[in-house]
Amino acid sequence: MNILKMPKIIVCLLLVFSISLVSCDSEENYTIEWRWTFFTDFGRIPRWSPDGSQILFGDDRPGSSALWLWMPGGDPSMLSDSLPPHNWDYRWSPDGRKIAFTSPGEPGSPDAGVWIVDVEGETAEKLHDRGSDLSWVYDGSAVVVRIDQPENGIPGIYEIGVDYFYRLFIVEGYFPLCSPAENLIAYSSSEISGKLFIIGSELVDEPVSETGALNWVWSVDGSSVFCVVNDYTSGYIDWKIFKISRRDTSWGTNNVAQWAAFPAPNRIGSKFAFMRISNGIWRGLWLHTFEEGERMIANYGQNPEFSPVDDRIVVNTPNGGIRVLEKP
């Protein structure tokens, strides 16, 4: 289980739970319908470029915290050899020309804050000296981050301009994730076991999930959000994935998977990959299609992400390494 995808206090909670998990992941193929193709022997938390041509991933080998670019079929290359450490929240810009990430540290330290990297020129610029849990605004004009210790104002979610710098307070929330298609932000009401809200819609004052929202991801077309819910404070472990769909001027919520985590929807949210959990064991990578139901497609596949353009899923292996799963 790779818990680095989860931020801050959620990481601690997942670490406690993961101690009791036993992994049944293996290096064997599970089905001929989906097959493994390209791979690296290091790296975690892969992210497809918007055009599906490259994969960005992080490195957590001892003494390294680099970011890498990989075109499947070729060799990975380091994004830059002079970047500060990353917080595992690196994100492609909507046009694929830039990559933003945050670096840990106290406000005012040389590395800490929000960084923007020009992919072609491999140049890095520090945008702001504080912030974490980064996401791009859909048009690429700004990034959204959580700031715990603003130099003035109150802690919460802020929008920071990229080309024209500004800082705008949005809401007292946590873990923001912007819609790829319009000016909406999904966020949690609490750092621990909060409910999911979507700001910028008519339901800003109403939660769209149960208590215990852990992580969420938008479909590329912005039509839906897939959210894991597991309320640790209840004393009962029950991992569920909900699909939260746009319905005219409201949102509808449906429970679409039980004992499941790390949802990865395709472009339009008509299917999604996820990791199954059963009896304290990770039970491989599964695919849910709304016409055919669920089936296991691989014996492993942490931190899955669907390609934004076709039927390919990128994952990291249990011991480090990036692999691509394709449907011929």
C-alpha atoms as a PDB file:
ATOM      1  CA  MET A   1       0.000   0.000   0.000  1.00  0.00           C
ATOM      2  CA  ASN A   2       1.433   3.348  -0.992  1.00  0.00           C
ATOM      3  CA  ILE A   3       0.020   5.923   1.381  1.00  0.00           C
ATOM      4  CA  LEU A   4       2.129   8.794   0.078  1.00  0.00           C
ATOM      5  CA  LYS A   5      -0.756   9.945  -2.085  1.00  0.00           C
ATOM      6  CA  MET A   6      -2.709  10.962   1.018  1.00  0.00           C
ATOM      7  CA  PRO A   7      -1.853  14.266   2.691  1.00  0.00           C
ATOM      8  CA  LYS A   8      -0.885  15.146   6.252  1.00  0.00           C
ATOM      9  CA  ILE A   9      -2.977  13.653   9.051  1.00  0.00           C
ATOM     10  CA  ILE A  10      -4.723  11.274   6.636  1.00  0.00           C
ATOM     11  CA  VAL A  11      -1.330   9.671   5.994  1.00  0.00           C
ATOM     12  CA  CYS A  12      -0.949   8.947   9.697  1.00  0.00           C
ATOM     13  CA  LEU A  13      -4.392   7.392   9.890  1.00  0.00           C
ATOM     14  CA  LEU A  14      -3.775   5.228   6.848  1.00  0.00           C
ATOM     15  CA  LEU A  15      -0.406   4.163   8.208  1.00  0.00           C
ATOM     16  CA  VAL A  16      -2.023   2.855  11.373  1.00  0.00           C
ATOM     17  CA  PHE A  17      -4.563   0.904   9.358  1.00  0.00           C
ATOM     18  CA  SER A  18      -2.037  -0.390   6.808  1.00  0.00           C
ATOM     19  CA  ILE A  19      -0.013  -2.121   9.526  1.00  0.00           C
ATOM     20  CA  SER A  20      -2.808  -4.688   9.744  1.00  0.00           C
ATOM     21  CA  LEU A  21      -3.012  -5.166   5.974  1.00  0.00           C
ATOM     22  CA  VAL A  22      -1.355  -8.088   4.238  1.00  0.00           C
ATOM     23  CA  SER A  23      -0.617  -7.614   0.558  1.00  0.00           C
ATOM     24  CA  CYS A  24      -1.431 -10.399  -1.863  1.00  0.00           C
ATOM     25  CA  ASP A  25       0.113  -8.457  -4.757  1.00  0.00           C
ATOM     26  CA  SER A  26       2.297 -10.466  -7.130  1.00  0.00           C
ATOM     27  CA  GLU A  27       4.135 -10.000 -10.407  1.00  0.00           C
ATOM     28  CA  GLU A  28       1.781 -12.311 -12.323  1.00  0.00           C
ATOM     29  CA  ASN A  29      -0.711 -11.254 -14.979  1.00  0.00           C
ATOM     30  CA  TYR A  30      -4.293 -11.936 -14.008  1.00  0.00           C
ATOM     31  CA  THR A  31      -6.192 -11.653 -17.267  1.00  0.00           C
ATOM     32  CA  ILE A  32      -5.470 -11.676 -20.981  1.00  0.00           C
ATOM     33  CA  GLU A  33      -8.105  -8.998 -21.554  1.00  0.00           C
ATOM     34  CA  TRP A  34      -5.873  -6.430 -19.862  1.00  0.00           C
ATOM     35  CA  ARG A  35      -2.129  -6.940 -20.143  1.00  0.00           C
ATOM     36  CA  TRP A  36       1.001  -5.347 -18.744  1.00  0.00           C
ATOM     37  CA  THR A  37       3.147  -3.559 -21.308  1.00  0.00           C
ATOM     38  CA  PHE A  38       5.777  -0.968 -20.346  1.00  0.00           C
ATOM     39  CA  PHE A  39       7.441  -0.583 -16.955  1.00  0.00           C
ATOM     40  CA  THR A  40      10.166   1.127 -14.926  1.00  0.00           C
ATOM     41  CA  ASP A  41      12.006  -0.356 -11.949  1.00  0.00           C
ATOM     42  CA  PHE A  42      11.512   2.674  -9.648  1.00  0.00           C
ATOM     43  CA  GLY A  43       8.977   5.388  -8.897  1.00  0.00           C
ATOM     44  CA  ARG A  44       5.564   5.868  -7.300  1.00  0.00           C
ATOM     45  CA  ILE A  45       2.327   7.847  -7.779  1.00  0.00           C
ATOM     46  CA  PRO A  46       2.220   8.197 -11.572  1.00  0.00           C
ATOM     47  CA  ARG A  47       0.225  10.910 -13.356  1.00  0.00           C
ATOM     48  CA  TRP A  48      -0.605  10.993 -17.067  1.00  0.00           C
ATOM     49  CA  SER A  49       0.032  14.147 -19.073  1.00  0.00           C
ATOM     50  CA  PRO A  50      -3.185  15.734 -20.424  1.00  0.00           C
ATOM     51  CA  ASP A  51      -2.541  14.312 -23.915  1.00  0.00           C
ATOM     52  CA  GLY A  52      -1.709  10.826 -22.600  1.00  0.00           C
ATOM     53  CA  SER A  53       1.793  10.802 -24.105  1.00  0.00           C
ATOM     54  CA  GLN A  54       3.921  11.027 -20.941  1.00  0.00           C
ATOM     55  CA  ILE A  55       3.818   9.980 -17.309  1.00  0.00           C
ATOM     56  CA  LEU A  56       5.065  12.072 -14.411  1.00  0.00           C
ATOM     57  CA  PHE A  57       6.075  10.226 -11.256  1.00  0.00           C
ATOM     58  CA  GLY A  58       7.976  10.712  -8.017  1.00  0.00           C
ATOM     59  CA  ASP A  59      10.988   8.893  -6.668  1.00  0.00           C
ATOM     60  CA  ASP A  60      11.330   7.868  -3.031  1.00  0.00           C
ATOM     61  CA  ARG A  61      14.580   5.920  -3.073  1.00  0.00           C
ATOM     62  CA  PRO A  62      16.924   6.780  -0.182  1.00  0.00           C
ATOM     63  CA  GLY A  63      18.539  10.156  -0.704  1.00  0.00           C
ATOM     64  CA  SER A  64      16.275  11.088  -3.600  1.00  0.00           C
ATOM     65  CA  SER A  65      13.004  12.943  -4.017  1.00  0.00           C
ATOM     66  CA  ALA A  66      13.228  13.692  -7.717  1.00  0.00           C
ATOM     67  CA  LEU A  67      10.442  14.060 -10.270  1.00  0.00           C
ATOM     68  CA  TRP A  68      10.666  12.028 -13.452  1.00  0.00           C
ATOM     69  CA  LEU A  69       9.090  12.137 -16.919  1.00  0.00           C
ATOM     70  CA  TRP A  70       8.530   8.934 -18.838  1.00  0.00           C
ATOM     71  CA  MET A  71       7.229   8.230 -22.309  1.00  0.00           C
ATOM     72  CA  PRO A  72       6.199   4.537 -22.167  1.00  0.00           C
ATOM     73  CA  GLY A  73       8.564   2.570 -24.371  1.00  0.00           C
ATOM     74  CA  GLY A  74      11.495   4.886 -23.654  1.00  0.00           C
ATOM     75  CA  ASP A  75      13.682   5.619 -20.640  1.00  0.00           C
ATOM     76  CA  PRO A  76      12.600   7.900 -17.778  1.00  0.00           C
ATOM     77  CA  SER A  77      14.354  11.260 -17.552  1.00  0.00           C
ATOM     78  CA  MET A  78      14.650  13.505 -14.517  1.00  0.00           C
ATOM     79  CA  LEU A  79      12.457  16.590 -14.829  1.00  0.00           C
ATOM     80  CA  SER A  80      15.264  18.731 -13.429  1.00  0.00           C
ATOM     81  CA  ASP A  81      18.322  18.002 -11.324  1.00  0.00           C
ATOM     82  CA  SER A  82      17.893  21.167  -9.238  1.00  0.00           C
ATOM     83  CA  LEU A  83      14.366  20.904  -7.838  1.00  0.00           C
ATOM     84  CA  PRO A  84      13.647  21.031  -4.092  1.00  0.00           C
ATOM     85  CA  PRO A  85      11.936  18.035  -2.405  1.00  0.00           C
ATOM     86  CA  HIS A  86       8.302  17.499  -3.338  1.00  0.00           C
ATOM     87  CA  ASN A  87       5.199  16.803  -1.230  1.00  0.00           C
ATOM     88  CA  TRP A  88       3.865  14.136  -3.640  1.00  0.00           C
ATOM     89  CA  ASP A  89       1.195  16.580  -4.844  1.00  0.00           C
ATOM     90  CA  TYR A  90       2.760  17.328  -8.252  1.00  0.00           C
ATOM     91  CA  ARG A  91       0.265  18.148 -11.027  1.00  0.00           C
ATOM     92  CA  TRP A  92       0.352  18.773 -14.772  1.00  0.00           C
ATOM     93  CA  SER A  93      -1.031  22.084 -15.991  1.00  0.00           C
ATOM     94  CA  PRO A  94      -4.136  21.698 -18.187  1.00  0.00           C
ATOM     95  CA  ASP A  95      -2.081  22.371 -21.355  1.00  0.00           C
ATOM     96  CA  GLY A  96       0.718  19.990 -20.311  1.00  0.00           C
ATOM     97  CA  ARG A  97       3.410  22.675 -20.565  1.00  0.00           C
ATOM     98  CA  LYS A  98       4.022  23.145 -16.857  1.00  0.00           C
ATOM     99  CA  ILE A  99       4.147  21.073 -13.695  1.00  0.00           C
ATOM    100  CA  ALA A 100       3.330  22.495 -10.277  1.00  0.00           C
ATOM    101  CA  PHE A 101       4.173  20.973  -6.902  1.00  0.00           C
ATOM    102  CA  THR A 102       4.708  22.014  -3.308  1.00  0.00           C
ATOM    103  CA  SER A 103       7.818  21.529  -1.230  1.00  0.00           C
ATOM    104  CA  PRO A 104       7.852  20.907   2.547  1.00  0.00           C
ATOM    105  CA  GLY A 105       9.365  23.197   5.162  1.00  0.00           C
ATOM    106  CA  GLU A 106       8.569  26.166   7.345  1.00  0.00           C
ATOM    107  CA  PRO A 107       7.326  29.342   5.630  1.00  0.00           C
ATOM    108  CA  GLY A 108      10.308  31.475   4.684  1.00  0.00           C
ATOM    109  CA  SER A 109      12.726  28.593   4.153  1.00  0.00           C
ATOM    110  CA  PRO A 110      14.384  28.489   0.695  1.00  0.00           C
ATOM    111  CA  ASP A 111      12.627  25.334  -0.550  1.00  0.00           C
ATOM    112  CA  ALA A 112       9.216  25.514   1.132  1.00  0.00           C
ATOM    113  CA  GLY A 113       6.227  26.603  -0.890  1.00  0.00           C
ATOM    114  CA  VAL A 114       4.672  26.351  -4.339  1.00  0.00           C
ATOM    115  CA  TRP A 115       6.851  25.710  -7.388  1.00  0.00           C
ATOM    116  CA  ILE A 116       6.114  25.883 -11.127  1.00  0.00           C
ATOM    117  CA  VAL A 117       8.333  24.035 -13.615  1.00  0.00           C
ATOM    118  CA  ASP A 118       8.391  24.723 -17.348  1.00  0.00           C
ATOM    119  CA  VAL A 119       8.538  21.225 -18.870  1.00  0.00           C
ATOM    120  CA  GLU A 120      10.274  22.166 -22.124  1.00  0.00           C
ATOM    121  CA  GLY A 121      12.781  24.561 -20.637  1.00  0.00           C
ATOM    122  CA  GLU A 122      13.205  22.588 -17.390  1.00  0.00           C
ATOM    123  CA  THR A 123      13.247  25.872 -15.473  1.00  0.00           C
ATOM    124  CA  ALA A 124      11.698  26.127 -11.997  1.00  0.00           C
ATOM    125  CA  GLU A 125      10.207  29.190 -10.334  1.00  0.00           C
ATOM    126  CA  LYS A 126       8.981  29.568  -6.787  1.00  0.00           C
ATOM    127  CA  LEU A 127       5.453  30.972  -6.914  1.00  0.00           C
ATOM    128  CA  HIS A 128       4.672  31.320  -3.198  1.00  0.00           C
ATOM    129  CA  ASP A 129       6.480  30.526   0.049  1.00  0.00           C
ATOM    130  CA  ARG A 130       3.705  28.456   1.620  1.00  0.00           C
ATOM    131  CA  GLY A 131       1.009  25.984   0.629  1.00  0.00           C
ATOM    132  CA  SER A 132       0.311  22.268   0.182  1.00  0.00           C
ATOM    133  CA  ASP A 133      -2.235  19.918  -1.450  1.00  0.00           C
ATOM    134  CA  LEU A 134      -1.973  21.640  -4.801  1.00  0.00           C
ATOM    135  CA  SER A 135      -4.405  21.590  -7.736  1.00  0.00           C
ATOM    136  CA  TRP A 136      -4.622  23.569 -11.012  1.00  0.00           C
ATOM    137  CA  VAL A 137      -7.601  25.751 -11.884  1.00  0.00           C
ATOM    138  CA  TYR A 138      -9.207  24.331 -15.021  1.00  0.00           C
ATOM    139  CA  ASP A 139      -7.934  27.070 -17.385  1.00  0.00           C
ATOM    140  CA  GLY A 140      -4.353  26.989 -16.068  1.00  0.00           C
ATOM    141  CA  SER A 141      -4.409  30.605 -14.885  1.00  0.00           C
ATOM    142  CA  ALA A 142      -3.949  29.737 -11.203  1.00  0.00           C
ATOM    143  CA  VAL A 143      -3.306  26.985  -8.689  1.00  0.00           C
ATOM    144  CA  VAL A 144      -5.282  26.251  -5.539  1.00  0.00           C
ATOM    145  CA  VAL A 145      -3.579  25.203  -2.299  1.00  0.00           C
ATOM    146  CA  ARG A 146      -4.220  24.786   1.398  1.00  0.00           C
ATOM    147  CA  ILE A 147      -2.299  27.327   3.502  1.00  0.00           C
ATOM    148  CA  ASP A 148      -2.058  26.499   7.203  1.00  0.00           C
ATOM    149  CA  GLN A 149      -0.027  29.534   8.272  1.00  0.00           C
ATOM    150  CA  PRO A 150      -0.814  32.528   6.050  1.00  0.00           C
ATOM    151  CA  GLU A 151       1.223  35.618   6.822  1.00  0.00           C
ATOM    152  CA  ASN A 152      -2.100  37.443   7.050  1.00  0.00           C
ATOM    153  CA  GLY A 153      -5.647  36.176   6.887  1.00  0.00           C
ATOM    154  CA  ILE A 154      -6.999  32.858   8.134  1.00  0.00           C
ATOM    155  CA  PRO A 155      -5.956  29.259   7.380  1.00  0.00           C
ATOM    156  CA  GLY A 156      -7.824  27.700   4.498  1.00  0.00           C
ATOM    157  CA  ILE A 157      -7.908  27.211   0.747  1.00  0.00           C
ATOM    158  CA  TYR A 158      -6.384  29.923  -1.425  1.00  0.00           C
ATOM    159  CA  GLU A 159      -6.166  30.572  -5.158  1.00  0.00           C
ATOM    160  CA  ILE A 160      -2.780  31.831  -6.377  1.00  0.00           C
ATOM    161  CA  GLY A 161      -2.312  33.371  -9.823  1.00  0.00           C
ATOM    162  CA  VAL A 162       0.420  31.892 -12.014  1.00  0.00           C
ATOM    163  CA  ASP A 163       1.203  34.426 -14.780  1.00  0.00           C
ATOM    164  CA  TYR A 164      -0.340  37.378 -12.974  1.00  0.00           C
ATOM    165  CA  PHE A 165       0.342  36.863  -9.263  1.00  0.00           C
ATOM    166  CA  TYR A 166      -2.434  37.313  -6.733  1.00  0.00           C
ATOM    167  CA  ARG A 167      -3.639  35.424  -3.669  1.00  0.00           C
ATOM    168  CA  LEU A 168      -7.359  34.969  -3.062  1.00  0.00           C
ATOM    169  CA  PHE A 169      -8.986  33.292  -0.050  1.00  0.00           C
ATOM    170  CA  ILE A 170     -11.658  30.762  -1.085  1.00  0.00           C
ATOM    171  CA  VAL A 171     -12.946  28.827   1.929  1.00  0.00           C
ATOM    172  CA  GLU A 172     -11.897  27.368   5.291  1.00  0.00           C
ATOM    173  CA  GLY A 173     -11.457  23.873   3.874  1.00  0.00           C
ATOM    174  CA  TYR A 174      -8.892  21.146   3.298  1.00  0.00           C
ATOM    175  CA  PHE A 175      -7.416  19.131   0.412  1.00  0.00           C
ATOM    176  CA  PRO A 176      -8.789  21.118  -2.564  1.00  0.00           C
ATOM    177  CA  LEU A 177      -9.140  19.491  -5.974  1.00  0.00           C
ATOM    178  CA  CYS A 178     -10.259  21.611  -8.932  1.00  0.00           C
ATOM    179  CA  SER A 179     -12.581  20.397 -11.643  1.00  0.00           C
ATOM    180  CA  PRO A 180     -10.747  19.925 -14.974  1.00  0.00           C
ATOM    181  CA  ALA A 181     -13.689  21.426 -16.868  1.00  0.00           C
ATOM    182  CA  GLU A 182     -15.043  24.431 -14.952  1.00  0.00           C
ATOM    183  CA  ASN A 183     -14.539  26.673 -11.957  1.00  0.00           C
ATOM    184  CA  LEU A 184     -15.463  24.181  -9.213  1.00  0.00           C
ATOM    185  CA  ILE A 185     -13.430  22.933  -6.253  1.00  0.00           C
ATOM    186  CA  ALA A 186     -14.056  19.740  -4.269  1.00  0.00           C
ATOM    187  CA  TYR A 187     -12.745  19.966  -0.713  1.00  0.00           C
ATOM    188  CA  SER A 188     -13.155  18.522   2.781  1.00  0.00           C
ATOM    189  CA  SER A 189     -14.734  20.338   5.704  1.00  0.00           C
ATOM    190  CA  SER A 190     -12.209  18.856   8.139  1.00  0.00           C
ATOM    191  CA  GLU A 191      -8.647  17.590   8.219  1.00  0.00           C
ATOM    192  CA  ILE A 192      -9.870  14.393   9.880  1.00  0.00           C
ATOM    193  CA  SER A 193     -13.024  12.567   8.832  1.00  0.00           C
ATOM    194  CA  GLY A 194     -14.727  15.503   7.136  1.00  0.00           C
ATOM    195  CA  LYS A 195     -17.470  15.621   4.542  1.00  0.00           C
ATOM    196  CA  LEU A 196     -16.916  16.469   0.904  1.00  0.00           C
ATOM    197  CA  PHE A 197     -18.182  19.812  -0.406  1.00  0.00           C
ATOM    198  CA  ILE A 198     -18.101  21.321  -3.884  1.00  0.00           C
ATOM    199  CA  ILE A 199     -17.712  25.081  -3.954  1.00  0.00           C
ATOM    200  CA  GLY A 200     -18.830  27.092  -6.948  1.00  0.00           C
ATOM    201  CA  SER A 201     -22.105  25.203  -7.237  1.00  0.00           C
ATOM    202  CA  GLU A 202     -25.525  25.706  -5.692  1.00  0.00           C
ATOM    203  CA  LEU A 203     -24.673  23.053  -3.103  1.00  0.00           C
ATOM    204  CA  VAL A 204     -21.759  24.886  -1.509  1.00  0.00           C
ATOM    205  CA  ASP A 205     -23.561  24.848   1.854  1.00  0.00           C
ATOM    206  CA  GLU A 206     -24.564  21.190   1.577  1.00  0.00           C
ATOM    207  CA  PRO A 207     -22.188  18.202   1.835  1.00  0.00           C
ATOM    208  CA  VAL A 208     -22.123  15.810  -1.121  1.00  0.00           C
ATOM    209  CA  SER A 209     -20.661  12.850   0.836  1.00  0.00           C
ATOM    210  CA  GLU A 210     -20.970  11.095   4.159  1.00  0.00           C
ATOM    211  CA  THR A 211     -18.558  11.779   7.029  1.00  0.00           C
ATOM    212  CA  GLY A 212     -15.137  10.288   6.394  1.00  0.00           C
ATOM    213  CA  ALA A 213     -14.253  11.559   2.912  1.00  0.00           C
ATOM    214  CA  LEU A 214     -10.672  10.430   2.320  1.00  0.00           C
ATOM    215  CA  ASN A 215      -9.646  11.179  -1.220  1.00  0.00           C
ATOM    216  CA  TRP A 216     -11.458  12.163  -4.376  1.00  0.00           C
ATOM    217  CA  VAL A 217     -10.787  12.513  -8.068  1.00  0.00           C
ATOM    218  CA  TRP A 218     -12.683  14.221 -10.892  1.00  0.00           C
ATOM    219  CA  SER A 219     -13.407  12.592 -14.224  1.00  0.00           C
ATOM    220  CA  VAL A 220     -11.533  14.499 -16.922  1.00  0.00           C
ATOM    221  CA  ASP A 221     -14.751  15.893 -18.401  1.00  0.00           C
ATOM    222  CA  GLY A 222     -15.764  17.278 -14.983  1.00  0.00           C
ATOM    223  CA  SER A 223     -19.094  15.451 -14.969  1.00  0.00           C
ATOM    224  CA  SER A 224     -18.463  13.523 -11.753  1.00  0.00           C
ATOM    225  CA  VAL A 225     -16.312  13.080  -8.663  1.00  0.00           C
ATOM    226  CA  PHE A 226     -15.320   9.667  -7.283  1.00  0.00           C
ATOM    227  CA  CYS A 227     -14.776   9.803  -3.528  1.00  0.00           C
ATOM    228  CA  VAL A 228     -13.592   7.245  -0.967  1.00  0.00           C
ATOM    229  CA  VAL A 229     -15.484   7.378   2.331  1.00  0.00           C
ATOM    230  CA  ASN A 230     -14.349   5.671   5.521  1.00  0.00           C
ATOM    231  CA  ASP A 231     -15.183   7.270   8.876  1.00  0.00           C
ATOM    232  CA  TYR A 232     -12.354   6.339  11.258  1.00  0.00           C
ATOM    233  CA  THR A 233     -14.073   8.115  14.129  1.00  0.00           C
ATOM    234  CA  SER A 234     -17.015   5.687  13.993  1.00  0.00           C
ATOM    235  CA  GLY A 235     -14.877   2.749  15.125  1.00  0.00           C
ATOM    236  CA  TYR A 236     -16.009   0.742  12.096  1.00  0.00           C
ATOM    237  CA  ILE A 237     -13.861   0.232   9.001  1.00  0.00           C
ATOM    238  CA  ASP A 238     -15.921   0.289   5.799  1.00  0.00           C
ATOM    239  CA  TRP A 239     -14.186   1.569   2.682  1.00  0.00           C
ATOM    240  CA  LYS A 240     -16.720   2.762   0.097  1.00  0.00           C
ATOM    241  CA  ILE A 241     -16.462   4.608  -3.206  1.00  0.00           C
ATOM    242  CA  PHE A 242     -19.215   7.050  -4.132  1.00  0.00           C
ATOM    243  CA  LYS A 243     -19.831   8.575  -7.542  1.00  0.00           C
ATOM    244  CA  ILE A 244     -21.043  12.155  -7.234  1.00  0.00           C
ATOM    245  CA  SER A 245     -22.586  13.254 -10.530  1.00  0.00           C
ATOM    246  CA  ARG A 246     -23.745  16.580 -11.900  1.00  0.00           C
ATOM    247  CA  ARG A 247     -27.514  16.699 -12.379  1.00  0.00           C
ATOM    248  CA  ASP A 248     -28.475  20.027 -13.904  1.00  0.00           C
ATOM    249  CA  THR A 249     -28.097  22.421 -10.959  1.00  0.00           C
ATOM    250  CA  SER A 250     -27.537  19.786  -8.250  1.00  0.00           C
ATOM    251  CA  TRP A 251     -25.373  16.775  -7.441  1.00  0.00           C
ATOM    252  CA  GLY A 252     -26.462  13.153  -7.023  1.00  0.00           C
ATOM    253  CA  THR A 253     -24.525  10.618  -4.940  1.00  0.00           C
ATOM    254  CA  ASN A 254     -24.423   6.856  -5.563  1.00  0.00           C
ATOM    255  CA  ASN A 255     -22.532   4.135  -3.706  1.00  0.00           C
ATOM    256  CA  VAL A 256     -20.691   2.303  -6.513  1.00  0.00           C
ATOM    257  CA  ALA A 257     -18.126   0.054  -4.749  1.00  0.00           C
ATOM    258  CA  GLN A 258     -17.615  -1.546  -1.339  1.00  0.00           C
ATOM    259  CA  TRP A 259     -14.280  -2.307   0.342  1.00  0.00           C
ATOM    260  CA  ALA A 260     -12.492  -0.216  -2.237  1.00  0.00           C
ATOM    261  CA  ALA A 261      -9.932   2.601  -2.395  1.00  0.00           C
ATOM    262  CA  PHE A 262      -7.910   4.708  -4.862  1.00  0.00           C
ATOM    263  CA  PRO A 263     -10.609   5.321  -7.515  1.00  0.00           C
ATOM    264  CA  ALA A 264      -9.391   6.120 -11.036  1.00  0.00           C
ATOM    265  CA  PRO A 265     -12.190   7.075 -13.465  1.00  0.00           C
ATOM    266  CA  ASN A 266     -11.866   7.163 -17.230  1.00  0.00           C
ATOM    267  CA  ARG A 267     -12.392  10.417 -19.107  1.00  0.00           C
ATOM    268  CA  ILE A 268     -16.190  10.509 -18.875  1.00  0.00           C
ATOM    269  CA  GLY A 269     -16.646   8.573 -15.622  1.00  0.00           C
ATOM    270  CA  SER A 270     -18.360   5.619 -17.313  1.00  0.00           C
ATOM    271  CA  LYS A 271     -15.924   3.201 -15.632  1.00  0.00           C
ATOM    272  CA  PHE A 272     -13.232   3.350 -13.010  1.00  0.00           C
ATOM    273  CA  ALA A 273     -10.344   1.287 -11.685  1.00  0.00           C
ATOM    274  CA  PHE A 274      -9.800   0.806  -7.954  1.00  0.00           C
ATOM    275  CA  MET A 275      -7.905  -1.209  -5.337  1.00  0.00           C
ATOM    276  CA  ARG A 276      -9.993  -3.755  -3.451  1.00  0.00           C
ATOM    277  CA  ILE A 277      -9.643  -4.386   0.286  1.00  0.00           C
ATOM    278  CA  SER A 278     -10.960  -7.584   1.884  1.00  0.00           C
ATOM    279  CA  ASN A 279     -10.255  -9.104   5.304  1.00  0.00           C
ATOM    280  CA  GLY A 280      -7.258  -6.853   5.844  1.00  0.00           C
ATOM    281  CA  ILE A 281      -5.697  -7.717   2.466  1.00  0.00           C
ATOM    282  CA  TRP A 282      -5.235  -5.728  -0.710  1.00  0.00           C
ATOM    283  CA  ARG A 283      -7.030  -7.886  -3.289  1.00  0.00           C
ATOM    284  CA  GLY A 284      -5.648  -6.516  -6.528  1.00  0.00           C
ATOM    285  CA  LEU A 285      -6.734  -3.982  -9.134  1.00  0.00           C
ATOM    286  CA  TRP A 286     -10.384  -4.051 -10.192  1.00  0.00           C
ATOM    287  CA  LEU A 287     -12.427  -2.385 -12.903  1.00  0.00           C
ATOM    288  CA  HIS A 288     -16.023  -1.238 -12.439  1.00  0.00           C
ATOM    289  CA  THR A 289     -18.109  -0.577 -15.523  1.00  0.00           C
ATOM    290  CA  PHE A 290     -21.674   0.585 -15.038  1.00  0.00           C
ATOM    291  CA  GLU A 291     -22.930  -1.825 -17.699  1.00  0.00           C
ATOM    292  CA  GLU A 292     -21.047  -4.984 -16.629  1.00  0.00           C
ATOM    293  CA  GLY A 293     -20.253  -4.536 -12.922  1.00  0.00           C
ATOM    294  CA  GLU A 294     -16.878  -5.350 -11.321  1.00  0.00           C
ATOM    295  CA  ARG A 295     -14.063  -7.682 -12.250  1.00  0.00           C
ATOM    296  CA  MET A 296     -10.452  -8.077 -11.227  1.00  0.00           C
ATOM    297  CA  ILE A 297      -8.022  -7.100 -13.995  1.00  0.00           C
ATOM    298  CA  ALA A 298      -4.633  -7.404 -12.253  1.00  0.00           C
ATOM    299  CA  ASN A 299      -3.130  -8.810  -9.070  1.00  0.00           C
ATOM    300  CA  TYR A 300      -1.684  -5.446  -8.053  1.00  0.00           C
ATOM    301  CA  GLY A 301      -1.792  -1.781  -8.987  1.00  0.00           C
ATOM    302  CA  GLN A 302      -1.367   0.893  -6.335  1.00  0.00           C
ATOM    303  CA  ASN A 303      -2.267   4.519  -7.108  1.00  0.00           C
ATOM    304  CA  PRO A 304      -3.957   3.750 -10.444  1.00  0.00           C
ATOM    305  CA  GLU A 305      -4.737   6.475 -12.957  1.00  0.00           C
ATOM    306  CA  PHE A 306      -6.696   6.085 -16.181  1.00  0.00           C
ATOM    307  CA  SER A 307      -5.236   7.623 -19.335  1.00  0.00           C
ATOM    308  CA  PRO A 308      -7.199  10.754 -20.302  1.00  0.00           C
ATOM    309  CA  VAL A 309      -7.422   9.585 -23.944  1.00  0.00           C
ATOM    310  CA  ASP A 310      -7.684   5.767 -24.097  1.00  0.00           C
ATOM    311  CA  ASP A 311      -7.984   2.447 -22.238  1.00  0.00           C
ATOM    312  CA  ARG A 312      -4.637   2.429 -20.448  1.00  0.00           C
ATOM    313  CA  ILE A 313      -4.111   2.448 -16.695  1.00  0.00           C
ATOM    314  CA  VAL A 314      -0.823   3.400 -15.058  1.00  0.00           C
ATOM    315  CA  VAL A 315       0.005   2.121 -11.547  1.00  0.00           C
ATOM    316  CA  ASN A 316       2.932   1.656  -9.242  1.00  0.00           C
ATOM    317  CA  THR A 317       4.013  -1.757  -8.021  1.00  0.00           C
ATOM    318  CA  PRO A 318       4.155  -2.723  -4.331  1.00  0.00           C
ATOM    319  CA  ASN A 319       7.944  -2.391  -4.156  1.00  0.00           C
ATOM    320  CA  GLY A 320       8.383   0.628  -6.408  1.00  0.00           C
ATOM    321  CA  GLY A 321       8.225   0.898 -10.174  1.00  0.00           C
ATOM    322  CA  ILE A 322       5.699   2.165 -12.701  1.00  0.00           C
ATOM    323  CA  ARG A 323       3.710  -0.142 -14.998  1.00  0.00           C
ATOM    324  CA  VAL A 324       1.171   0.399 -17.734  1.00  0.00           C
ATOM    325  CA  LEU A 325      -1.856  -1.880 -18.093  1.00  0.00           C
ATOM    326  CA  GLU A 326      -3.512  -1.830 -21.516  1.00  0.00           C
ATOM    327  CA  LYS A 327      -6.646  -3.196 -23.068  1.00  0.00           C
ATOM    328  CA  PRO A 328      -5.793  -4.327 -26.652  1.00  0.00           C
END
